[in-house]
PDB file of N, CA and C in Angstrom:
ATOM      1  N   MET A   1      -8.650  -9.460  13.936  1.00  0.00           N
ATOM      2  CA  MET A   1      -8.374 -10.190  12.738  1.00  0.00           C
ATOM      3  C   MET A   1      -6.962 -10.664  12.752  1.00  0.00           C
ATOM      4  N   THR A   2      -6.654 -11.885  12.335  1.00  0.00           N
ATOM      5  CA  THR A   2      -5.291 -12.372  12.350  1.00  0.00           C
ATOM      6  C   THR A   2      -4.544 -11.879  11.133  1.00  0.00           C
ATOM      7  N   TYR A   3      -3.217 -12.069  11.158  1.00  0.00           N
ATOM      8  CA  TYR A   3      -2.384 -11.689  10.023  1.00  0.00           C
ATOM      9  C   TYR A   3      -2.855 -12.383   8.768  1.00  0.00           C
ATOM     10  N   GLY A   4      -3.082 -13.659   8.829  1.00  0.00           N
ATOM     11  CA  GLY A   4      -3.469 -14.465   7.719  1.00  0.00           C
ATOM     12  C   GLY A   4      -4.815 -14.000   7.113  1.00  0.00           C
ATOM     13  N   GLU A   5      -5.780 -13.695   7.939  1.00  0.00           N
ATOM     14  CA  GLU A   5      -7.034 -13.174   7.477  1.00  0.00           C
ATOM     15  C   GLU A   5      -6.847 -11.807   6.784  1.00  0.00           C
ATOM     16  N   MET A   6      -6.039 -10.942   7.375  1.00  0.00           N
ATOM     17  CA  MET A   6      -5.807  -9.640   6.777  1.00  0.00           C
ATOM     18  C   MET A   6      -5.113  -9.770   5.440  1.00  0.00           C
ATOM     19  N   ASN A   7      -4.185 -10.663   5.354  1.00  0.00           N
ATOM     20  CA  ASN A   7      -3.433 -10.835   4.140  1.00  0.00           C
ATOM     21  C   ASN A   7      -4.348 -11.430   3.028  1.00  0.00           C
ATOM     22  N   ASN A   8      -5.183 -12.361   3.421  1.00  0.00           N
ATOM     23  CA  ASN A   8      -6.184 -12.892   2.471  1.00  0.00           C
ATOM     24  C   ASN A   8      -7.130 -11.790   1.967  1.00  0.00           C
ATOM     25  N   TYR A   9      -7.541 -10.955   2.888  1.00  0.00           N
ATOM     26  CA  TYR A   9      -8.387  -9.765   2.469  1.00  0.00           C
ATOM     27  C   TYR A   9      -7.672  -8.949   1.435  1.00  0.00           C
ATOM     28  N   ILE A  10      -6.393  -8.630   1.723  1.00  0.00           N
ATOM     29  CA  ILE A  10      -5.636  -7.771   0.800  1.00  0.00           C
ATOM     30  C   ILE A  10      -5.462  -8.428  -0.570  1.00  0.00           C
ATOM     31  N   THR A  11      -5.301  -9.675  -0.603  1.00  0.00           N
ATOM     32  CA  THR A  11      -5.053 -10.414  -1.927  1.00  0.00           C
ATOM     33  C   THR A  11      -6.308 -10.344  -2.743  1.00  0.00           C
ATOM     34  N   HIS A  12      -7.479 -10.125  -2.148  1.00  0.00           N
ATOM     35  CA  HIS A  12      -8.729 -10.196  -2.910  1.00  0.00           C
ATOM     36  C   HIS A  12      -9.372  -8.828  -3.156  1.00  0.00           C
ATOM     37  N   ILE A  13      -8.683  -7.725  -2.784  1.00  0.00           N
ATOM     38  CA  ILE A  13      -9.231  -6.435  -3.015  1.00  0.00           C
ATOM     39  C   ILE A  13      -9.112  -6.044  -4.489  1.00  0.00           C
ATOM     40  N   SER A  14      -9.963  -5.191  -4.929  1.00  0.00           N
ATOM     41  CA  SER A  14      -9.878  -4.732  -6.363  1.00  0.00           C
ATOM     42  C   SER A  14      -8.614  -3.885  -6.602  1.00  0.00           C
ATOM     43  N   ASP A  15      -8.282  -3.774  -7.925  1.00  0.00           N
ATOM     44  CA  ASP A  15      -7.159  -3.008  -8.296  1.00  0.00           C
ATOM     45  C   ASP A  15      -7.268  -1.528  -7.895  1.00  0.00           C
ATOM     46  N   ASN A  16      -8.510  -1.000  -7.997  1.00  0.00           N
ATOM     47  CA  ASN A  16      -8.690   0.381  -7.640  1.00  0.00           C
ATOM     48  C   ASN A  16      -8.419   0.555  -6.113  1.00  0.00           C
ATOM     49  N   ASP A  17      -8.911  -0.343  -5.330  1.00  0.00           N
ATOM     50  CA  ASP A  17      -8.670  -0.264  -3.853  1.00  0.00           C
ATOM     51  C   ASP A  17      -7.212  -0.402  -3.556  1.00  0.00           C
ATOM     52  N   LEU A  18      -6.534  -1.342  -4.248  1.00  0.00           N
ATOM     53  CA  LEU A  18      -5.103  -1.537  -3.979  1.00  0.00           C
ATOM     54  C   LEU A  18      -4.323  -0.322  -4.317  1.00  0.00           C
ATOM     55  N   VAL A  19      -4.618   0.297  -5.423  1.00  0.00           N
ATOM     56  CA  VAL A  19      -3.946   1.550  -5.888  1.00  0.00           C
ATOM     57  C   VAL A  19      -4.170   2.658  -4.848  1.00  0.00           C
ATOM     58  N   ALA A  20      -5.367   2.782  -4.289  1.00  0.00           N
ATOM     59  CA  ALA A  20      -5.711   3.768  -3.328  1.00  0.00           C
ATOM     60  C   ALA A  20      -4.910   3.523  -2.035  1.00  0.00           C
ATOM     61  N   LEU A  21      -4.795   2.254  -1.668  1.00  0.00           N
ATOM     62  CA  LEU A  21      -4.029   1.907  -0.465  1.00  0.00           C
ATOM     63  C   LEU A  21      -2.531   2.142  -0.671  1.00  0.00           C
ATOM     64  N   CYS A  22      -2.041   1.902  -1.912  1.00  0.00           N
ATOM     65  CA  CYS A  22      -0.629   2.222  -2.180  1.00  0.00           C
ATOM     66  C   CYS A  22      -0.344   3.689  -2.087  1.00  0.00           C
ATOM     67  N   LYS A  23      -1.264   4.500  -2.559  1.00  0.00           N
ATOM     68  CA  LYS A  23      -1.094   5.934  -2.428  1.00  0.00           C
ATOM     69  C   LYS A  23      -1.128   6.358  -1.009  1.00  0.00           C
ATOM     70  N   SER A  24      -1.922   5.722  -0.163  1.00  0.00           N
ATOM     71  CA  SER A  24      -1.990   6.039   1.287  1.00  0.00           C
ATOM     72  C   SER A  24      -0.681   5.636   1.974  1.00  0.00           C
ATOM     73  N   VAL A  25      -0.146   4.418   1.574  1.00  0.00           N
ATOM     74  CA  VAL A  25       1.086   3.994   2.128  1.00  0.00           C
ATOM     75  C   VAL A  25       2.208   4.948   1.731  1.00  0.00           C
ATOM     76  N   TYR A  26       2.206   5.441   0.542  1.00  0.00           N
ATOM     77  CA  TYR A  26       3.192   6.408   0.046  1.00  0.00           C
ATOM     78  C   TYR A  26       3.137   7.687   0.873  1.00  0.00           C
ATOM     79  N   LYS A  27       1.945   8.185   1.013  1.00  0.00           N
ATOM     80  CA  LYS A  27       1.786   9.494   1.795  1.00  0.00           C
ATOM     81  C   LYS A  27       2.229   9.242   3.265  1.00  0.00           C
ATOM     82  N   PHE A  28       1.911   8.107   3.776  1.00  0.00           N
ATOM     83  CA  PHE A  28       2.320   7.784   5.232  1.00  0.00           C
ATOM     84  C   PHE A  28       3.839   7.725   5.285  1.00  0.00           C
ATOM     85  N   LYS A  29       4.513   7.152   4.363  1.00  0.00           N
ATOM     86  CA  LYS A  29       5.965   6.956   4.412  1.00  0.00           C
ATOM     87  C   LYS A  29       6.727   8.238   3.955  1.00  0.00           C
ATOM     88  N   ASN A  30       6.158   8.967   3.012  1.00  0.00           N
ATOM     89  CA  ASN A  30       6.875  10.079   2.409  1.00  0.00           C
ATOM     90  C   ASN A  30       6.211  11.400   2.463  1.00  0.00           C
ATOM     91  N   GLY A  31       4.974  11.402   2.708  1.00  0.00           N
ATOM     92  CA  GLY A  31       4.191  12.612   2.560  1.00  0.00           C
ATOM     93  C   GLY A  31       4.365  13.623   3.674  1.00  0.00           C
ATOM     94  N   ASN A  32       3.849  13.300   4.841  1.00  0.00           N
ATOM     95  CA  ASN A  32       3.853  14.344   5.950  1.00  0.00           C
ATOM     96  C   ASN A  32       5.129  14.342   6.739  1.00  0.00           C
ATOM     97  N   GLY A  33       5.935  13.262   6.672  1.00  0.00           N
ATOM     98  CA  GLY A  33       7.203  13.283   7.305  1.00  0.00           C
ATOM     99  C   GLY A  33       7.208  12.990   8.851  1.00  0.00           C
ATOM    100  N   ASN A  34       6.029  12.909   9.459  1.00  0.00           N
ATOM    101  CA  ASN A  34       5.989  12.693  10.894  1.00  0.00           C
ATOM    102  C   ASN A  34       5.646  11.267  11.230  1.00  0.00           C
ATOM    103  N   GLY A  35       5.445  10.380  10.234  1.00  0.00           N
ATOM    104  CA  GLY A  35       5.116   8.965  10.503  1.00  0.00           C
ATOM    105  C   GLY A  35       3.832   8.740  11.195  1.00  0.00           C
ATOM    106  N   VAL A  36       2.871   9.658  11.195  1.00  0.00           N
ATOM    107  CA  VAL A  36       1.581   9.501  11.824  1.00  0.00           C
ATOM    108  C   VAL A  36       0.526   9.450  10.750  1.00  0.00           C
ATOM    109  N   LEU A  37      -0.341   8.486  10.851  1.00  0.00           N
ATOM    110  CA  LEU A  37      -1.422   8.376   9.870  1.00  0.00           C
ATOM    111  C   LEU A  37      -2.467   9.435  10.144  1.00  0.00           C
ATOM    112  N   GLU A  38      -2.834  10.084   9.072  1.00  0.00           N
ATOM    113  CA  GLU A  38      -3.919  11.064   9.140  1.00  0.00           C
ATOM    114  C   GLU A  38      -5.272  10.320   9.421  1.00  0.00           C
ATOM    115  N   PRO A  39      -6.148  10.973  10.197  1.00  0.00           N
ATOM    116  CA  PRO A  39      -7.412  10.254  10.534  1.00  0.00           C
ATOM    117  C   PRO A  39      -8.301   9.888   9.319  1.00  0.00           C
ATOM    118  N   THR A  40      -8.084  10.620   8.165  1.00  0.00           N
ATOM    119  CA  THR A  40      -8.900  10.292   7.005  1.00  0.00           C
ATOM    120  C   THR A  40      -8.102   9.438   6.004  1.00  0.00           C
ATOM    121  N   SER A  41      -6.939   8.964   6.408  1.00  0.00           N
ATOM    122  CA  SER A  41      -6.119   8.132   5.573  1.00  0.00           C
ATOM    123  C   SER A  41      -6.815   6.814   5.250  1.00  0.00           C
ATOM    124  N   THR A  42      -6.768   6.365   3.955  1.00  0.00           N
ATOM    125  CA  THR A  42      -7.305   5.093   3.580  1.00  0.00           C
ATOM    126  C   THR A  42      -6.689   3.943   4.363  1.00  0.00           C
ATOM    127  N   LEU A  43      -5.448   4.051   4.629  1.00  0.00           N
ATOM    128  CA  LEU A  43      -4.730   3.004   5.402  1.00  0.00           C
ATOM    129  C   LEU A  43      -5.272   3.017   6.832  1.00  0.00           C
ATOM    130  N   LYS A  44      -5.466   4.146   7.450  1.00  0.00           N
ATOM    131  CA  LYS A  44      -5.989   4.215   8.839  1.00  0.00           C
ATOM    132  C   LYS A  44      -7.379   3.630   8.858  1.00  0.00           C
ATOM    133  N   ILE A  45      -8.239   4.002   7.888  1.00  0.00           N
ATOM    134  CA  ILE A  45      -9.612   3.544   7.877  1.00  0.00           C
ATOM    135  C   ILE A  45      -9.644   2.036   7.745  1.00  0.00           C
ATOM    136  N   LEU A  46      -8.852   1.490   6.805  1.00  0.00           N
ATOM    137  CA  LEU A  46      -8.781   0.069   6.609  1.00  0.00           C
ATOM    138  C   LEU A  46      -8.336  -0.622   7.862  1.00  0.00           C
ATOM    139  N   SER A  47      -7.337  -0.126   8.517  1.00  0.00           N
ATOM    140  CA  SER A  47      -6.822  -0.701   9.747  1.00  0.00           C
ATOM    141  C   SER A  47      -7.883  -0.777  10.844  1.00  0.00           C
ATOM    142  N   GLU A  48      -8.679   0.306  10.927  1.00  0.00           N
ATOM    143  CA  GLU A  48      -9.799   0.322  11.902  1.00  0.00           C
ATOM    144  C   GLU A  48     -10.928  -0.611  11.485  1.00  0.00           C
ATOM    145  N   ASN A  49     -11.258  -0.631  10.179  1.00  0.00           N
ATOM    146  CA  ASN A  49     -12.338  -1.490   9.732  1.00  0.00           C
ATOM    147  C   ASN A  49     -12.012  -2.956   9.933  1.00  0.00           C
ATOM    148  N   LEU A  50     -10.798  -3.367   9.690  1.00  0.00           N
ATOM    149  CA  LEU A  50     -10.381  -4.683   9.820  1.00  0.00           C
ATOM    150  C   LEU A  50     -10.026  -5.099  11.257  1.00  0.00           C
ATOM    151  N   GLN A  51      -9.986  -4.062  12.152  1.00  0.00           N
ATOM    152  CA  GLN A  51      -9.542  -4.257  13.520  1.00  0.00           C
ATOM    153  C   GLN A  51      -8.126  -4.880  13.563  1.00  0.00           C
ATOM    154  N   PHE A  52      -7.308  -4.419  12.661  1.00  0.00           N
ATOM    155  CA  PHE A  52      -5.912  -4.876  12.537  1.00  0.00           C
ATOM    156  C   PHE A  52      -5.021  -3.718  12.706  1.00  0.00           C
ATOM    157  N   HIS A  53      -4.441  -3.580  13.906  1.00  0.00           N
ATOM    158  CA  HIS A  53      -3.791  -2.295  14.296  1.00  0.00           C
ATOM    159  C   HIS A  53      -2.283  -2.300  14.099  1.00  0.00           C
ATOM    160  N   ASP A  54      -1.734  -3.374  13.532  1.00  0.00           N
ATOM    161  CA  ASP A  54      -0.295  -3.387  13.177  1.00  0.00           C
ATOM    162  C   ASP A  54      -0.178  -2.771  11.755  1.00  0.00           C
ATOM    163  N   VAL A  55      -0.054  -1.485  11.729  1.00  0.00           N
ATOM    164  CA  VAL A  55      -0.086  -0.760  10.481  1.00  0.00           C
ATOM    165  C   VAL A  55       1.196  -1.192   9.629  1.00  0.00           C
ATOM    166  N   ARG A  56       2.277  -1.396  10.231  1.00  0.00           N
ATOM    167  CA  ARG A  56       3.468  -1.851   9.465  1.00  0.00           C
ATOM    168  C   ARG A  56       3.251  -3.182   8.752  1.00  0.00           C
ATOM    169  N   ALA A  57       2.591  -4.091   9.400  1.00  0.00           N
ATOM    170  CA  ALA A  57       2.288  -5.406   8.789  1.00  0.00           C
ATOM    171  C   ALA A  57       1.272  -5.206   7.662  1.00  0.00           C
ATOM    172  N   LEU A  58       0.298  -4.351   7.907  1.00  0.00           N
ATOM    173  CA  LEU A  58      -0.715  -4.042   6.845  1.00  0.00           C
ATOM    174  C   LEU A  58      -0.026  -3.379   5.678  1.00  0.00           C
ATOM    175  N   GLU A  59       0.870  -2.487   5.923  1.00  0.00           N
ATOM    176  CA  GLU A  59       1.663  -1.766   4.900  1.00  0.00           C
ATOM    177  C   GLU A  59       2.455  -2.812   4.091  1.00  0.00           C
ATOM    178  N   TYR A  60       3.077  -3.777   4.813  1.00  0.00           N
ATOM    179  CA  TYR A  60       3.864  -4.787   4.155  1.00  0.00           C
ATOM    180  C   TYR A  60       3.005  -5.673   3.228  1.00  0.00           C
ATOM    181  N   ALA A  61       1.832  -6.057   3.701  1.00  0.00           N
ATOM    182  CA  ALA A  61       0.937  -6.874   2.901  1.00  0.00           C
ATOM    183  C   ALA A  61       0.503  -6.131   1.672  1.00  0.00           C
ATOM    184  N   ILE A  62       0.192  -4.840   1.783  1.00  0.00           N
ATOM    185  CA  ILE A  62      -0.220  -4.051   0.656  1.00  0.00           C
ATOM    186  C   ILE A  62       0.860  -3.953  -0.416  1.00  0.00           C
ATOM    187  N   THR A  63       2.055  -3.583   0.046  1.00  0.00           N
ATOM    188  CA  THR A  63       3.135  -3.493  -0.921  1.00  0.00           C
ATOM    189  C   THR A  63       3.570  -4.794  -1.570  1.00  0.00           C
ATOM    190  N   GLU A  64       3.512  -5.874  -0.837  1.00  0.00           N
ATOM    191  CA  GLU A  64       3.804  -7.198  -1.414  1.00  0.00           C
ATOM    192  C   GLU A  64       2.735  -7.545  -2.420  1.00  0.00           C
ATOM    193  N   GLU A  65       1.444  -7.287  -2.202  1.00  0.00           N
ATOM    194  CA  GLU A  65       0.428  -7.553  -3.213  1.00  0.00           C
ATOM    195  C   GLU A  65       0.599  -6.661  -4.418  1.00  0.00           C
ATOM    196  N   ALA A  66       1.008  -5.413  -4.219  1.00  0.00           N
ATOM    197  CA  ALA A  66       1.279  -4.528  -5.346  1.00  0.00           C
ATOM    198  C   ALA A  66       2.435  -5.007  -6.183  1.00  0.00           C
ATOM    199  N   HIS A  67       3.522  -5.567  -5.514  1.00  0.00           N
ATOM    200  CA  HIS A  67       4.590  -6.105  -6.261  1.00  0.00           C
ATOM    201  C   HIS A  67       4.126  -7.259  -7.134  1.00  0.00           C
ATOM    202  N   LYS A  68       3.283  -8.119  -6.596  1.00  0.00           N
ATOM    203  CA  LYS A  68       2.776  -9.281  -7.403  1.00  0.00           C
ATOM    204  C   LYS A  68       1.978  -8.818  -8.548  1.00  0.00           C
ATOM    205  N   ARG A  69       1.078  -7.857  -8.345  1.00  0.00           N
ATOM    206  CA  ARG A  69       0.166  -7.451  -9.423  1.00  0.00           C
ATOM    207  C   ARG A  69       0.770  -6.530 -10.464  1.00  0.00           C
ATOM    208  N   TYR A  70       1.688  -5.621 -10.004  1.00  0.00           N
ATOM    209  CA  TYR A  70       2.143  -4.528 -10.856  1.00  0.00           C
ATOM    210  C   TYR A  70       3.687  -4.525 -11.159  1.00  0.00           C
ATOM    211  N   GLY A  71       4.342  -5.616 -10.803  1.00  0.00           N
ATOM    212  CA  GLY A  71       5.768  -5.635 -10.935  1.00  0.00           C
ATOM    213  C   GLY A  71       6.224  -5.461 -12.349  1.00  0.00           C
ATOM    214  N   GLN A  72       5.573  -6.067 -13.298  1.00  0.00           N
ATOM    215  CA  GLN A  72       5.921  -5.980 -14.705  1.00  0.00           C
ATOM    216  C   GLN A  72       5.671  -4.547 -15.202  1.00  0.00           C
ATOM    217  N   ILE A  73       4.613  -3.893 -14.730  1.00  0.00           N
ATOM    218  CA  ILE A  73       4.312  -2.540 -15.164  1.00  0.00           C
ATOM    219  C   ILE A  73       5.439  -1.588 -14.645  1.00  0.00           C
ATOM    220  N   VAL A  74       5.880  -1.831 -13.457  1.00  0.00           N
ATOM    221  CA  VAL A  74       6.950  -0.959 -12.889  1.00  0.00           C
ATOM    222  C   VAL A  74       8.225  -1.172 -13.692  1.00  0.00           C
ATOM    223  N   LEU A  75       8.532  -2.382 -14.052  1.00  0.00           N
ATOM    224  CA  LEU A  75       9.689  -2.635 -14.930  1.00  0.00           C
ATOM    225  C   LEU A  75       9.599  -1.949 -16.263  1.00  0.00           C
ATOM    226  N   LEU A  76       8.413  -2.047 -16.874  1.00  0.00           N
ATOM    227  CA  LEU A  76       8.227  -1.366 -18.157  1.00  0.00           C
ATOM    228  C   LEU A  76       8.428   0.129 -18.025  1.00  0.00           C
ATOM    229  N   LEU A  77       7.882   0.804 -17.030  1.00  0.00           N
ATOM    230  CA  LEU A  77       8.007   2.213 -16.824  1.00  0.00           C
ATOM    231  C   LEU A  77       9.482   2.536 -16.516  1.00  0.00           C
ATOM    232  N   MET A  78      10.142   1.786 -15.697  1.00  0.00           N
ATOM    233  CA  MET A  78      11.500   2.068 -15.400  1.00  0.00           C
ATOM    234  C   MET A  78      12.414   1.953 -16.621  1.00  0.00           C
ATOM    235  N   LYS A  79      12.180   0.941 -17.441  1.00  0.00           N
ATOM    236  CA  LYS A  79      12.984   0.747 -18.620  1.00  0.00           C
ATOM    237  C   LYS A  79      12.716   1.845 -19.676  1.00  0.00           C
ATOM    238  N   ASP A  80      11.470   2.276 -19.769  1.00  0.00           N
ATOM    239  CA  ASP A  80      11.114   3.270 -20.727  1.00  0.00           C
ATOM    240  C   ASP A  80      11.651   4.673 -20.384  1.00  0.00           C
ATOM    241  N   ALA A  81      11.619   5.027 -19.036  1.00  0.00           N
ATOM    242  CA  ALA A  81      12.053   6.402 -18.686  1.00  0.00           C
ATOM    243  C   ALA A  81      12.596   6.423 -17.275  1.00  0.00           C
ATOM    244  N   PRO A  82      13.760   5.799 -17.072  1.00  0.00           N
ATOM    245  CA  PRO A  82      14.346   5.708 -15.735  1.00  0.00           C
ATOM    246  C   PRO A  82      14.605   7.052 -15.088  1.00  0.00           C
ATOM    247  N   ALA A  83      14.939   8.039 -15.846  1.00  0.00           N
ATOM    248  CA  ALA A  83      15.274   9.329 -15.259  1.00  0.00           C
ATOM    249  C   ALA A  83      14.029   9.963 -14.673  1.00  0.00           C
ATOM    250  N   HIS A  84      12.881   9.600 -15.137  1.00  0.00           N
ATOM    251  CA  HIS A  84      11.588  10.081 -14.643  1.00  0.00           C
ATOM    252  C   HIS A  84      11.393   9.641 -13.162  1.00  0.00           C
ATOM    253  N   TYR A  85      11.899   8.458 -12.809  1.00  0.00           N
ATOM    254  CA  TYR A  85      11.667   7.937 -11.498  1.00  0.00           C
ATOM    255  C   TYR A  85      12.864   8.028 -10.551  1.00  0.00           C
ATOM    256  N   LEU A  86      14.079   8.072 -11.130  1.00  0.00           N
ATOM    257  CA  LEU A  86      15.257   8.132 -10.335  1.00  0.00           C
ATOM    258  C   LEU A  86      15.789   9.567 -10.234  1.00  0.00           C
ATOM    259  N   LYS A  87      15.293  10.318  -9.246  1.00  0.00           N
ATOM    260  CA  LYS A  87      15.649  11.690  -9.046  1.00  0.00           C
ATOM    261  C   LYS A  87      16.495  11.899  -7.877  1.00  0.00           C
TER     262      LYS A  87
END
């Protein structure tokens, strides 16, 4: 799959799937600390299903789509309780 095809796929996934992928990206970047995807990771499974093995590019597409969809929600939460998020 090309980058454009993968990006198009990400822009059309459901909110529930995007949230699950965001959680998987978070765990990948911050969870286990070794930078290796777990075999059962949603991100790993999607990468394999799409046959798109550039996980960093996939991660970027996921976070960019999340910024587009949820940017205002993040701002609302940050303005409401910044100390909750800035630790």
